[in-house]
mmCIF file of all heavy atoms, coordinates in Angstrom:
data_MODEL
# 
_entry.id   MODEL 
# 
loop_
_atom_site.group_PDB 
_atom_site.id 
_atom_site.type_symbol 
_atom_site.label_atom_id 
_atom_site.label_alt_id 
_atom_site.label_comp_id 
_atom_site.label_asym_id 
_atom_site.label_entity_id 
_atom_site.label_seq_id 
_atom_site.pdbx_PDB_ins_code 
_atom_site.Cartn_x 
_atom_site.Cartn_y 
_atom_site.Cartn_z 
_atom_site.occupancy 
_atom_site.B_iso_or_equiv 
_atom_site.pdbx_formal_charge 
_atom_site.auth_seq_id 
_atom_site.auth_comp_id 
_atom_site.auth_asym_id 
_atom_site.auth_atom_id 
_atom_site.pdbx_PDB_model_num 
ATOM 1   N N   . THR A 1 1  ? -55.658 4.740  -24.041 1.00 0.00 ? 1  THR A N   1 
ATOM 2   C CA  . THR A 1 1  ? -55.100 6.109  -23.957 1.00 0.00 ? 1  THR A CA  1 
ATOM 3   C C   . THR A 1 1  ? -54.290 6.520  -25.226 1.00 0.00 ? 1  THR A C   1 
ATOM 4   O O   . THR A 1 1  ? -53.800 7.506  -25.214 1.00 0.00 ? 1  THR A O   1 
ATOM 5   C CB  . THR A 1 1  ? -54.163 6.128  -22.713 1.00 0.00 ? 1  THR A CB  1 
ATOM 6   O OG1 . THR A 1 1  ? -53.194 5.123  -22.846 1.00 0.00 ? 1  THR A OG1 1 
ATOM 7   C CG2 . THR A 1 1  ? -55.049 5.920  -21.454 1.00 0.00 ? 1  THR A CG2 1 
ATOM 8   N N   . ILE A 1 2  ? -54.229 5.639  -26.169 1.00 0.00 ? 2  ILE A N   1 
ATOM 9   C CA  . ILE A 1 2  ? -53.473 5.892  -27.338 1.00 0.00 ? 2  ILE A CA  1 
ATOM 10  C C   . ILE A 1 2  ? -54.524 6.603  -28.432 1.00 0.00 ? 2  ILE A C   1 
ATOM 11  O O   . ILE A 1 2  ? -55.116 5.824  -29.115 1.00 0.00 ? 2  ILE A O   1 
ATOM 12  C CB  . ILE A 1 2  ? -52.887 4.643  -27.998 1.00 0.00 ? 2  ILE A CB  1 
ATOM 13  C CG1 . ILE A 1 2  ? -51.976 3.915  -27.056 1.00 0.00 ? 2  ILE A CG1 1 
ATOM 14  C CG2 . ILE A 1 2  ? -52.044 4.964  -29.195 1.00 0.00 ? 2  ILE A CG2 1 
ATOM 15  C CD1 . ILE A 1 2  ? -51.037 4.698  -26.421 1.00 0.00 ? 2  ILE A CD1 1 
ATOM 16  N N   . ARG A 1 3  ? -54.555 7.817  -28.367 1.00 0.00 ? 3  ARG A N   1 
ATOM 17  C CA  . ARG A 1 3  ? -55.526 8.504  -29.304 1.00 0.00 ? 3  ARG A CA  1 
ATOM 18  C C   . ARG A 1 3  ? -54.720 9.622  -30.079 1.00 0.00 ? 3  ARG A C   1 
ATOM 19  O O   . ARG A 1 3  ? -53.627 9.929  -29.595 1.00 0.00 ? 3  ARG A O   1 
ATOM 20  C CB  . ARG A 1 3  ? -56.710 9.208  -28.536 1.00 0.00 ? 3  ARG A CB  1 
ATOM 21  C CG  . ARG A 1 3  ? -57.636 8.026  -27.979 1.00 0.00 ? 3  ARG A CG  1 
ATOM 22  C CD  . ARG A 1 3  ? -58.859 8.720  -27.517 1.00 0.00 ? 3  ARG A CD  1 
ATOM 23  N NE  . ARG A 1 3  ? -58.779 9.518  -26.177 1.00 0.00 ? 3  ARG A NE  1 
ATOM 24  C CZ  . ARG A 1 3  ? -58.779 8.843  -25.066 1.00 0.00 ? 3  ARG A CZ  1 
ATOM 25  N NH1 . ARG A 1 3  ? -58.848 7.525  -24.962 1.00 0.00 ? 3  ARG A NH1 1 
ATOM 26  N NH2 . ARG A 1 3  ? -58.701 9.667  -24.063 1.00 0.00 ? 3  ARG A NH2 1 
ATOM 27  N N   . GLN A 1 4  ? -55.247 10.085 -31.132 1.00 0.00 ? 4  GLN A N   1 
ATOM 28  C CA  . GLN A 1 4  ? -54.515 11.014 -31.989 1.00 0.00 ? 4  GLN A CA  1 
ATOM 29  C C   . GLN A 1 4  ? -54.337 12.361 -31.227 1.00 0.00 ? 4  GLN A C   1 
ATOM 30  O O   . GLN A 1 4  ? -53.487 13.091 -31.648 1.00 0.00 ? 4  GLN A O   1 
ATOM 31  C CB  . GLN A 1 4  ? -55.240 11.218 -33.296 1.00 0.00 ? 4  GLN A CB  1 
ATOM 32  C CG  . GLN A 1 4  ? -55.512 9.783  -33.906 1.00 0.00 ? 4  GLN A CG  1 
ATOM 33  C CD  . GLN A 1 4  ? -55.289 9.943  -35.474 1.00 0.00 ? 4  GLN A CD  1 
ATOM 34  O OE1 . GLN A 1 4  ? -55.096 10.989 -36.032 1.00 0.00 ? 4  GLN A OE1 1 
ATOM 35  N NE2 . GLN A 1 4  ? -55.191 8.758  -36.004 1.00 0.00 ? 4  GLN A NE2 1 
ATOM 36  N N   . GLY A 1 5  ? -55.150 12.742 -30.210 1.00 0.00 ? 5  GLY A N   1 
ATOM 37  C CA  . GLY A 1 5  ? -54.771 13.832 -29.360 1.00 0.00 ? 5  GLY A CA  1 
ATOM 38  C C   . GLY A 1 5  ? -55.528 15.124 -29.780 1.00 0.00 ? 5  GLY A C   1 
ATOM 39  O O   . GLY A 1 5  ? -55.741 15.928 -28.992 1.00 0.00 ? 5  GLY A O   1 
ATOM 40  N N   . ARG A 1 6  ? -55.767 15.374 -31.143 1.00 0.00 ? 6  ARG A N   1 
ATOM 41  C CA  . ARG A 1 6  ? -56.294 16.602 -31.499 1.00 0.00 ? 6  ARG A CA  1 
ATOM 42  C C   . ARG A 1 6  ? -57.783 16.563 -31.645 1.00 0.00 ? 6  ARG A C   1 
ATOM 43  O O   . ARG A 1 6  ? -58.397 17.554 -31.803 1.00 0.00 ? 6  ARG A O   1 
ATOM 44  C CB  . ARG A 1 6  ? -55.759 17.082 -32.815 1.00 0.00 ? 6  ARG A CB  1 
ATOM 45  C CG  . ARG A 1 6  ? -55.968 16.183 -34.047 1.00 0.00 ? 6  ARG A CG  1 
ATOM 46  C CD  . ARG A 1 6  ? -55.411 16.763 -35.282 1.00 0.00 ? 6  ARG A CD  1 
ATOM 47  N NE  . ARG A 1 6  ? -56.070 16.211 -36.485 1.00 0.00 ? 6  ARG A NE  1 
ATOM 48  C CZ  . ARG A 1 6  ? -56.502 16.929 -37.490 1.00 0.00 ? 6  ARG A CZ  1 
ATOM 49  N NH1 . ARG A 1 6  ? -56.355 18.142 -37.494 1.00 0.00 ? 6  ARG A NH1 1 
ATOM 50  N NH2 . ARG A 1 6  ? -57.174 16.292 -38.405 1.00 0.00 ? 6  ARG A NH2 1 
ATOM 51  N N   . ARG A 1 7  ? -58.387 15.412 -31.389 1.00 0.00 ? 7  ARG A N   1 
ATOM 52  C CA  . ARG A 1 7  ? -59.849 15.299 -31.540 1.00 0.00 ? 7  ARG A CA  1 
ATOM 53  C C   . ARG A 1 7  ? -60.379 14.775 -30.198 1.00 0.00 ? 7  ARG A C   1 
ATOM 54  O O   . ARG A 1 7  ? -59.743 13.790 -29.721 1.00 0.00 ? 7  ARG A O   1 
ATOM 55  C CB  . ARG A 1 7  ? -60.205 14.384 -32.654 1.00 0.00 ? 7  ARG A CB  1 
ATOM 56  C CG  . ARG A 1 7  ? -59.794 14.851 -34.071 1.00 0.00 ? 7  ARG A CG  1 
ATOM 57  C CD  . ARG A 1 7  ? -60.231 14.133 -35.096 1.00 0.00 ? 7  ARG A CD  1 
ATOM 58  N NE  . ARG A 1 7  ? -59.578 12.739 -35.105 1.00 0.00 ? 7  ARG A NE  1 
ATOM 59  C CZ  . ARG A 1 7  ? -59.691 11.835 -36.020 1.00 0.00 ? 7  ARG A CZ  1 
ATOM 60  N NH1 . ARG A 1 7  ? -60.498 12.031 -37.068 1.00 0.00 ? 7  ARG A NH1 1 
ATOM 61  N NH2 . ARG A 1 7  ? -58.986 10.738 -35.999 1.00 0.00 ? 7  ARG A NH2 1 
ATOM 62  N N   . THR A 1 8  ? -61.421 15.338 -29.739 1.00 0.00 ? 8  THR A N   1 
ATOM 63  C CA  . THR A 1 8  ? -61.965 14.736 -28.618 1.00 0.00 ? 8  THR A CA  1 
ATOM 64  C C   . THR A 1 8  ? -62.843 13.555 -28.926 1.00 0.00 ? 8  THR A C   1 
ATOM 65  O O   . THR A 1 8  ? -63.810 13.782 -29.717 1.00 0.00 ? 8  THR A O   1 
ATOM 66  C CB  . THR A 1 8  ? -62.836 15.881 -27.819 1.00 0.00 ? 8  THR A CB  1 
ATOM 67  O OG1 . THR A 1 8  ? -61.917 16.919 -27.567 1.00 0.00 ? 8  THR A OG1 1 
ATOM 68  C CG2 . THR A 1 8  ? -63.404 15.329 -26.448 1.00 0.00 ? 8  THR A CG2 1 
ATOM 69  N N   . PRO A 1 9  ? -62.656 12.472 -28.311 1.00 0.00 ? 9  PRO A N   1 
ATOM 70  C CA  . PRO A 1 9  ? -63.456 11.307 -28.598 1.00 0.00 ? 9  PRO A CA  1 
ATOM 71  C C   . PRO A 1 9  ? -64.875 11.255 -28.112 1.00 0.00 ? 9  PRO A C   1 
ATOM 72  O O   . PRO A 1 9  ? -65.005 11.792 -26.985 1.00 0.00 ? 9  PRO A O   1 
ATOM 73  C CB  . PRO A 1 9  ? -62.676 10.028 -28.084 1.00 0.00 ? 9  PRO A CB  1 
ATOM 74  C CG  . PRO A 1 9  ? -61.892 10.644 -26.964 1.00 0.00 ? 9  PRO A CG  1 
ATOM 75  C CD  . PRO A 1 9  ? -61.562 12.116 -27.240 1.00 0.00 ? 9  PRO A CD  1 
ATOM 76  N N   . SER A 1 10 ? -65.981 10.667 -28.673 1.00 0.00 ? 10 SER A N   1 
ATOM 77  C CA  . SER A 1 10 ? -67.196 10.599 -28.104 1.00 0.00 ? 10 SER A CA  1 
ATOM 78  C C   . SER A 1 10 ? -67.337 9.228  -27.595 1.00 0.00 ? 10 SER A C   1 
ATOM 79  O O   . SER A 1 10 ? -66.836 8.147  -28.236 1.00 0.00 ? 10 SER A O   1 
ATOM 80  C CB  . SER A 1 10 ? -68.205 10.770 -29.249 1.00 0.00 ? 10 SER A CB  1 
ATOM 81  O OG  . SER A 1 10 ? -68.006 12.005 -29.831 1.00 0.00 ? 10 SER A OG  1 
ATOM 82  N N   . ALA A 1 11 ? -68.101 9.168  -26.525 1.00 0.00 ? 11 ALA A N   1 
ATOM 83  C CA  . ALA A 1 11 ? -68.411 7.741  -25.949 1.00 0.00 ? 11 ALA A CA  1 
ATOM 84  C C   . ALA A 1 11 ? -69.495 7.060  -26.747 1.00 0.00 ? 11 ALA A C   1 
ATOM 85  O O   . ALA A 1 11 ? -70.473 7.779  -27.163 1.00 0.00 ? 11 ALA A O   1 
ATOM 86  C CB  . ALA A 1 11 ? -68.908 7.855  -24.507 1.00 0.00 ? 11 ALA A CB  1 
ATOM 87  N N   . ILE A 1 12 ? -69.338 5.828  -27.150 1.00 0.00 ? 12 ILE A N   1 
ATOM 88  C CA  . ILE A 1 12 ? -70.271 5.071  -27.861 1.00 0.00 ? 12 ILE A CA  1 
ATOM 89  C C   . ILE A 1 12 ? -70.401 3.801  -27.262 1.00 0.00 ? 12 ILE A C   1 
ATOM 90  O O   . ILE A 1 12 ? -69.505 3.217  -26.570 1.00 0.00 ? 12 ILE A O   1 
ATOM 91  C CB  . ILE A 1 12 ? -69.919 4.944  -29.398 1.00 0.00 ? 12 ILE A CB  1 
ATOM 92  C CG1 . ILE A 1 12 ? -68.493 4.218  -29.632 1.00 0.00 ? 12 ILE A CG1 1 
ATOM 93  C CG2 . ILE A 1 12 ? -69.966 6.186  -30.022 1.00 0.00 ? 12 ILE A CG2 1 
ATOM 94  C CD1 . ILE A 1 12 ? -68.259 4.026  -31.007 1.00 0.00 ? 12 ILE A CD1 1 
ATOM 95  N N   . SER A 1 13 ? -71.603 3.133  -27.458 1.00 0.00 ? 13 SER A N   1 
ATOM 96  C CA  . SER A 1 13 ? -71.927 1.673  -27.033 1.00 0.00 ? 13 SER A CA  1 
ATOM 97  C C   . SER A 1 13 ? -71.239 0.700  -27.916 1.00 0.00 ? 13 SER A C   1 
ATOM 98  O O   . SER A 1 13 ? -70.667 1.016  -28.970 1.00 0.00 ? 13 SER A O   1 
ATOM 99  C CB  . SER A 1 13 ? -73.365 1.395  -26.945 1.00 0.00 ? 13 SER A CB  1 
ATOM 100 O OG  . SER A 1 13 ? -73.868 1.346  -28.305 1.00 0.00 ? 13 SER A OG  1 
ATOM 101 N N   . ALA A 1 14 ? -71.297 -0.627 -27.531 1.00 0.00 ? 14 ALA A N   1 
ATOM 102 C CA  . ALA A 1 14 ? -70.673 -1.702 -28.300 1.00 0.00 ? 14 ALA A CA  1 
ATOM 103 C C   . ALA A 1 14 ? -71.467 -1.863 -29.560 1.00 0.00 ? 14 ALA A C   1 
ATOM 104 O O   . ALA A 1 14 ? -70.760 -1.951 -30.644 1.00 0.00 ? 14 ALA A O   1 
ATOM 105 C CB  . ALA A 1 14 ? -70.767 -3.111 -27.491 1.00 0.00 ? 14 ALA A CB  1 
ATOM 106 N N   . GLN A 1 15 ? -72.786 -1.723 -29.557 1.00 0.00 ? 15 GLN A N   1 
ATOM 107 C CA  . GLN A 1 15 ? -73.552 -1.834 -30.693 1.00 0.00 ? 15 GLN A CA  1 
ATOM 108 C C   . GLN A 1 15 ? -73.129 -0.562 -31.669 1.00 0.00 ? 15 GLN A C   1 
ATOM 109 O O   . GLN A 1 15 ? -72.941 -0.748 -32.963 1.00 0.00 ? 15 GLN A O   1 
ATOM 110 C CB  . GLN A 1 15 ? -74.961 -1.732 -30.499 1.00 0.00 ? 15 GLN A CB  1 
ATOM 111 C CG  . GLN A 1 15 ? -75.886 -1.881 -31.797 1.00 0.00 ? 15 GLN A CG  1 
ATOM 112 C CD  . GLN A 1 15 ? -75.523 -3.277 -32.618 1.00 0.00 ? 15 GLN A CD  1 
ATOM 113 O OE1 . GLN A 1 15 ? -75.364 -4.212 -31.950 1.00 0.00 ? 15 GLN A OE1 1 
ATOM 114 N NE2 . GLN A 1 15 ? -75.366 -3.078 -33.780 1.00 0.00 ? 15 GLN A NE2 1 
ATOM 115 N N   . GLN A 1 16 ? -73.068 0.664  -31.225 1.00 0.00 ? 16 GLN A N   1 
ATOM 116 C CA  . GLN A 1 16 ? -72.602 1.694  -32.054 1.00 0.00 ? 16 GLN A CA  1 
ATOM 117 C C   . GLN A 1 16 ? -71.230 1.536  -32.553 1.00 0.00 ? 16 GLN A C   1 
ATOM 118 O O   . GLN A 1 16 ? -71.014 1.861  -33.799 1.00 0.00 ? 16 GLN A O   1 
ATOM 119 C CB  . GLN A 1 16 ? -72.728 2.995  -31.261 1.00 0.00 ? 16 GLN A CB  1 
ATOM 120 C CG  . GLN A 1 16 ? -74.152 3.343  -30.905 1.00 0.00 ? 16 GLN A CG  1 
ATOM 121 C CD  . GLN A 1 16 ? -74.200 4.425  -29.906 1.00 0.00 ? 16 GLN A CD  1 
ATOM 122 O OE1 . GLN A 1 16 ? -73.341 4.566  -28.945 1.00 0.00 ? 16 GLN A OE1 1 
ATOM 123 N NE2 . GLN A 1 16 ? -75.291 5.232  -29.865 1.00 0.00 ? 16 GLN A NE2 1 
ATOM 124 N N   . ALA A 1 17 ? -70.328 0.919  -31.855 1.00 0.00 ? 17 ALA A N   1 
ATOM 125 C CA  . ALA A 1 17 ? -68.938 0.634  -32.201 1.00 0.00 ? 17 ALA A CA  1 
ATOM 126 C C   . ALA A 1 17 ? -68.977 -0.320 -33.457 1.00 0.00 ? 17 ALA A C   1 
ATOM 127 O O   . ALA A 1 17 ? -68.262 -0.131 -34.473 1.00 0.00 ? 17 ALA A O   1 
ATOM 128 C CB  . ALA A 1 17 ? -68.015 0.197  -31.190 1.00 0.00 ? 17 ALA A CB  1 
ATOM 129 N N   . ARG A 1 18 ? -69.812 -1.302 -33.322 1.00 0.00 ? 18 ARG A N   1 
ATOM 130 C CA  . ARG A 1 18 ? -69.961 -2.342 -34.518 1.00 0.00 ? 18 ARG A CA  1 
ATOM 131 C C   . ARG A 1 18 ? -70.411 -1.664 -35.682 1.00 0.00 ? 18 ARG A C   1 
ATOM 132 O O   . ARG A 1 18 ? -69.956 -1.986 -36.819 1.00 0.00 ? 18 ARG A O   1 
ATOM 133 C CB  . ARG A 1 18 ? -70.959 -3.522 -33.887 1.00 0.00 ? 18 ARG A CB  1 
ATOM 134 C CG  . ARG A 1 18 ? -70.355 -4.581 -33.118 1.00 0.00 ? 18 ARG A CG  1 
ATOM 135 C CD  . ARG A 1 18 ? -71.281 -5.625 -32.909 1.00 0.00 ? 18 ARG A CD  1 
ATOM 136 N NE  . ARG A 1 18 ? -70.878 -6.424 -31.775 1.00 0.00 ? 18 ARG A NE  1 
ATOM 137 C CZ  . ARG A 1 18 ? -71.254 -6.275 -30.637 1.00 0.00 ? 18 ARG A CZ  1 
ATOM 138 N NH1 . ARG A 1 18 ? -72.145 -5.246 -30.360 1.00 0.00 ? 18 ARG A NH1 1 
ATOM 139 N NH2 . ARG A 1 18 ? -70.753 -6.964 -29.631 1.00 0.00 ? 18 ARG A NH2 1 
ATOM 140 N N   . THR A 1 19 ? -71.423 -0.862 -35.504 1.00 0.00 ? 19 THR A N   1 
ATOM 141 C CA  . THR A 1 19 ? -72.145 -0.157 -36.726 1.00 0.00 ? 19 THR A CA  1 
ATOM 142 C C   . THR A 1 19 ? -71.071 0.694  -37.391 1.00 0.00 ? 19 THR A C   1 
ATOM 143 O O   . THR A 1 19 ? -70.890 0.643  -38.570 1.00 0.00 ? 19 THR A O   1 
ATOM 144 C CB  . THR A 1 19 ? -73.298 0.683  -36.147 1.00 0.00 ? 19 THR A CB  1 
ATOM 145 O OG1 . THR A 1 19 ? -74.240 -0.187 -35.611 1.00 0.00 ? 19 THR A OG1 1 
ATOM 146 C CG2 . THR A 1 19 ? -73.971 1.363  -37.416 1.00 0.00 ? 19 THR A CG2 1 
ATOM 147 N N   . VAL A 1 20 ? -70.415 1.496  -36.635 1.00 0.00 ? 20 VAL A N   1 
ATOM 148 C CA  . VAL A 1 20 ? -69.367 2.498  -37.105 1.00 0.00 ? 20 VAL A CA  1 
ATOM 149 C C   . VAL A 1 20 ? -68.282 1.765  -37.820 1.00 0.00 ? 20 VAL A C   1 
ATOM 150 O O   . VAL A 1 20 ? -67.849 2.121  -39.014 1.00 0.00 ? 20 VAL A O   1 
ATOM 151 C CB  . VAL A 1 20 ? -68.840 3.414  -36.116 1.00 0.00 ? 20 VAL A CB  1 
ATOM 152 C CG1 . VAL A 1 20 ? -67.723 4.206  -36.572 1.00 0.00 ? 20 VAL A CG1 1 
ATOM 153 C CG2 . VAL A 1 20 ? -70.005 4.348  -35.663 1.00 0.00 ? 20 VAL A CG2 1 
ATOM 154 N N   . LEU A 1 21 ? -67.785 0.649  -37.214 1.00 0.00 ? 21 LEU A N   1 
ATOM 155 C CA  . LEU A 1 21 ? -66.510 -0.148 -37.745 1.00 0.00 ? 21 LEU A CA  1 
ATOM 156 C C   . LEU A 1 21 ? -66.997 -0.856 -39.014 1.00 0.00 ? 21 LEU A C   1 
ATOM 157 O O   . LEU A 1 21 ? -66.175 -1.157 -39.965 1.00 0.00 ? 21 LEU A O   1 
ATOM 158 C CB  . LEU A 1 21 ? -66.029 -1.082 -36.732 1.00 0.00 ? 21 LEU A CB  1 
ATOM 159 C CG  . LEU A 1 21 ? -65.194 -0.398 -35.629 1.00 0.00 ? 21 LEU A CG  1 
ATOM 160 C CD1 . LEU A 1 21 ? -64.884 -1.427 -34.598 1.00 0.00 ? 21 LEU A CD1 1 
ATOM 161 C CD2 . LEU A 1 21 ? -63.839 0.164  -36.284 1.00 0.00 ? 21 LEU A CD2 1 
ATOM 162 N N   . THR A 1 22 ? -68.196 -1.331 -39.254 1.00 0.00 ? 22 THR A N   1 
ATOM 163 C CA  . THR A 1 22 ? -68.696 -2.211 -40.345 1.00 0.00 ? 22 THR A CA  1 
ATOM 164 C C   . THR A 1 22 ? -69.313 -1.358 -41.487 1.00 0.00 ? 22 THR A C   1 
ATOM 165 O O   . THR A 1 22 ? -69.535 -1.904 -42.528 1.00 0.00 ? 22 THR A O   1 
ATOM 166 C CB  . THR A 1 22 ? -69.587 -3.236 -39.844 1.00 0.00 ? 22 THR A CB  1 
ATOM 167 O OG1 . THR A 1 22 ? -70.662 -2.836 -39.195 1.00 0.00 ? 22 THR A OG1 1 
ATOM 168 C CG2 . THR A 1 22 ? -68.927 -4.335 -39.031 1.00 0.00 ? 22 THR A CG2 1 
ATOM 169 N N   . ASP A 1 23 ? -69.539 -0.212 -41.239 1.00 0.00 ? 23 ASP A N   1 
ATOM 170 C CA  . ASP A 1 23 ? -70.193 0.660  -42.244 1.00 0.00 ? 23 ASP A CA  1 
ATOM 171 C C   . ASP A 1 23 ? -69.215 1.192  -43.210 1.00 0.00 ? 23 ASP A C   1 
ATOM 172 O O   . ASP A 1 23 ? -68.199 1.957  -42.828 1.00 0.00 ? 23 ASP A O   1 
ATOM 173 C CB  . ASP A 1 23 ? -70.987 1.919  -41.577 1.00 0.00 ? 23 ASP A CB  1 
ATOM 174 C CG  . ASP A 1 23 ? -71.800 2.629  -42.600 1.00 0.00 ? 23 ASP A CG  1 
ATOM 175 O OD1 . ASP A 1 23 ? -71.284 3.254  -43.528 1.00 0.00 ? 23 ASP A OD1 1 
ATOM 176 O OD2 . ASP A 1 23 ? -73.063 2.759  -42.438 1.00 0.00 ? 23 ASP A OD2 1 
ATOM 177 N N   . THR A 1 24 ? -69.372 0.901  -44.485 1.00 0.00 ? 24 THR A N   1 
ATOM 178 C CA  . THR A 1 24 ? -68.349 1.180  -45.584 1.00 0.00 ? 24 THR A CA  1 
ATOM 179 C C   . THR A 1 24 ? -68.365 2.643  -45.833 1.00 0.00 ? 24 THR A C   1 
ATOM 180 O O   . THR A 1 24 ? -67.429 3.177  -46.350 1.00 0.00 ? 24 THR A O   1 
ATOM 181 C CB  . THR A 1 24 ? -68.393 0.385  -46.735 1.00 0.00 ? 24 THR A CB  1 
ATOM 182 O OG1 . THR A 1 24 ? -69.834 0.576  -47.223 1.00 0.00 ? 24 THR A OG1 1 
ATOM 183 C CG2 . THR A 1 24 ? -68.254 -1.124 -46.535 1.00 0.00 ? 24 THR A CG2 1 
ATOM 184 N N   . VAL A 1 25 ? -69.532 3.325  -45.700 1.00 0.00 ? 25 VAL A N   1 
ATOM 185 C CA  . VAL A 1 25 ? -69.694 4.758  -45.983 1.00 0.00 ? 25 VAL A CA  1 
ATOM 186 C C   . VAL A 1 25 ? -68.727 5.598  -45.077 1.00 0.00 ? 25 VAL A C   1 
ATOM 187 O O   . VAL A 1 25 ? -68.089 6.469  -45.404 1.00 0.00 ? 25 VAL A O   1 
ATOM 188 C CB  . VAL A 1 25 ? -71.130 5.243  -45.798 1.00 0.00 ? 25 VAL A CB  1 
ATOM 189 C CG1 . VAL A 1 25 ? -71.210 6.677  -45.981 1.00 0.00 ? 25 VAL A CG1 1 
ATOM 190 C CG2 . VAL A 1 25 ? -71.995 4.549  -46.873 1.00 0.00 ? 25 VAL A CG2 1 
ATOM 191 N N   . ILE A 1 26 ? -68.857 5.183  -43.782 1.00 0.00 ? 26 ILE A N   1 
ATOM 192 C CA  . ILE A 1 26 ? -68.085 5.983  -42.722 1.00 0.00 ? 26 ILE A CA  1 
ATOM 193 C C   . ILE A 1 26 ? -66.557 5.699  -42.937 1.00 0.00 ? 26 ILE A C   1 
ATOM 194 O O   . ILE A 1 26 ? -65.675 6.586  -42.869 1.00 0.00 ? 26 ILE A O   1 
ATOM 195 C CB  . ILE A 1 26 ? -68.452 5.634  -41.380 1.00 0.00 ? 26 ILE A CB  1 
ATOM 196 C CG1 . ILE A 1 26 ? -69.898 6.202  -41.106 1.00 0.00 ? 26 ILE A CG1 1 
ATOM 197 C CG2 . ILE A 1 26 ? -67.460 6.242  -40.269 1.00 0.00 ? 26 ILE A CG2 1 
ATOM 198 C CD1 . ILE A 1 26 ? -70.437 5.776  -39.784 1.00 0.00 ? 26 ILE A CD1 1 
ATOM 199 N N   . GLY A 1 27 ? -66.234 4.458  -43.189 1.00 0.00 ? 27 GLY A N   1 
ATOM 200 C CA  . GLY A 1 27 ? -64.886 4.019  -43.362 1.00 0.00 ? 27 GLY A CA  1 
ATOM 201 C C   . GLY A 1 27 ? -63.939 4.213  -42.030 1.00 0.00 ? 27 GLY A C   1 
ATOM 202 O O   . GLY A 1 27 ? -62.798 4.651  -42.184 1.00 0.00 ? 27 GLY A O   1 
ATOM 203 N N   . ALA A 1 28 ? -64.632 3.955  -41.015 1.00 0.00 ? 28 ALA A N   1 
ATOM 204 C CA  . ALA A 1 28 ? -63.861 4.033  -39.703 1.00 0.00 ? 28 ALA A CA  1 
ATOM 205 C C   . ALA A 1 28 ? -62.778 2.895  -39.586 1.00 0.00 ? 28 ALA A C   1 
ATOM 206 O O   . ALA A 1 28 ? -62.911 1.853  -40.137 1.00 0.00 ? 28 ALA A O   1 
ATOM 207 C CB  . ALA A 1 28 ? -64.964 3.971  -38.487 1.00 0.00 ? 28 ALA A CB  1 
ATOM 208 N N   . GLU A 1 29 ? -61.836 3.184  -38.887 1.00 0.00 ? 29 GLU A N   1 
ATOM 209 C CA  . GLU A 1 29 ? -60.795 2.268  -38.561 1.00 0.00 ? 29 GLU A CA  1 
ATOM 210 C C   . GLU A 1 29 ? -60.612 1.851  -37.089 1.00 0.00 ? 29 GLU A C   1 
ATOM 211 O O   . GLU A 1 29 ? -60.811 2.761  -36.227 1.00 0.00 ? 29 GLU A O   1 
ATOM 212 C CB  . GLU A 1 29 ? -59.500 2.854  -39.032 1.00 0.00 ? 29 GLU A CB  1 
ATOM 213 C CG  . GLU A 1 29 ? -59.343 3.179  -40.600 1.00 0.00 ? 29 GLU A CG  1 
ATOM 214 C CD  . GLU A 1 29 ? -57.845 3.836  -40.746 1.00 0.00 ? 29 GLU A CD  1 
ATOM 215 O OE1 . GLU A 1 29 ? -57.059 3.950  -40.037 1.00 0.00 ? 29 GLU A OE1 1 
ATOM 216 O OE2 . GLU A 1 29 ? -57.806 4.268  -42.008 1.00 0.00 ? 29 GLU A OE2 1 
ATOM 217 N N   . PRO A 1 30 ? -60.391 0.627  -36.902 1.00 0.00 ? 30 PRO A N   1 
ATOM 218 C CA  . PRO A 1 30 ? -60.076 0.199  -35.426 1.00 0.00 ? 30 PRO A CA  1 
ATOM 219 C C   . PRO A 1 30 ? -58.643 0.764  -34.890 1.00 0.00 ? 30 PRO A C   1 
ATOM 220 O O   . PRO A 1 30 ? -57.746 0.791  -35.737 1.00 0.00 ? 30 PRO A O   1 
ATOM 221 C CB  . PRO A 1 30 ? -60.201 -1.173 -35.426 1.00 0.00 ? 30 PRO A CB  1 
ATOM 222 C CG  . PRO A 1 30 ? -59.660 -1.563 -36.751 1.00 0.00 ? 30 PRO A CG  1 
ATOM 223 C CD  . PRO A 1 30 ? -60.224 -0.502 -37.656 1.00 0.00 ? 30 PRO A CD  1 
# 
């Protein structure tokens, strides 16, 4: 429930979460 609040999050699968977190182009943060 700790989200930045101004952006609506999208539901993603575990595999998609792994991809997003490990892709250096996106630069996502956990």
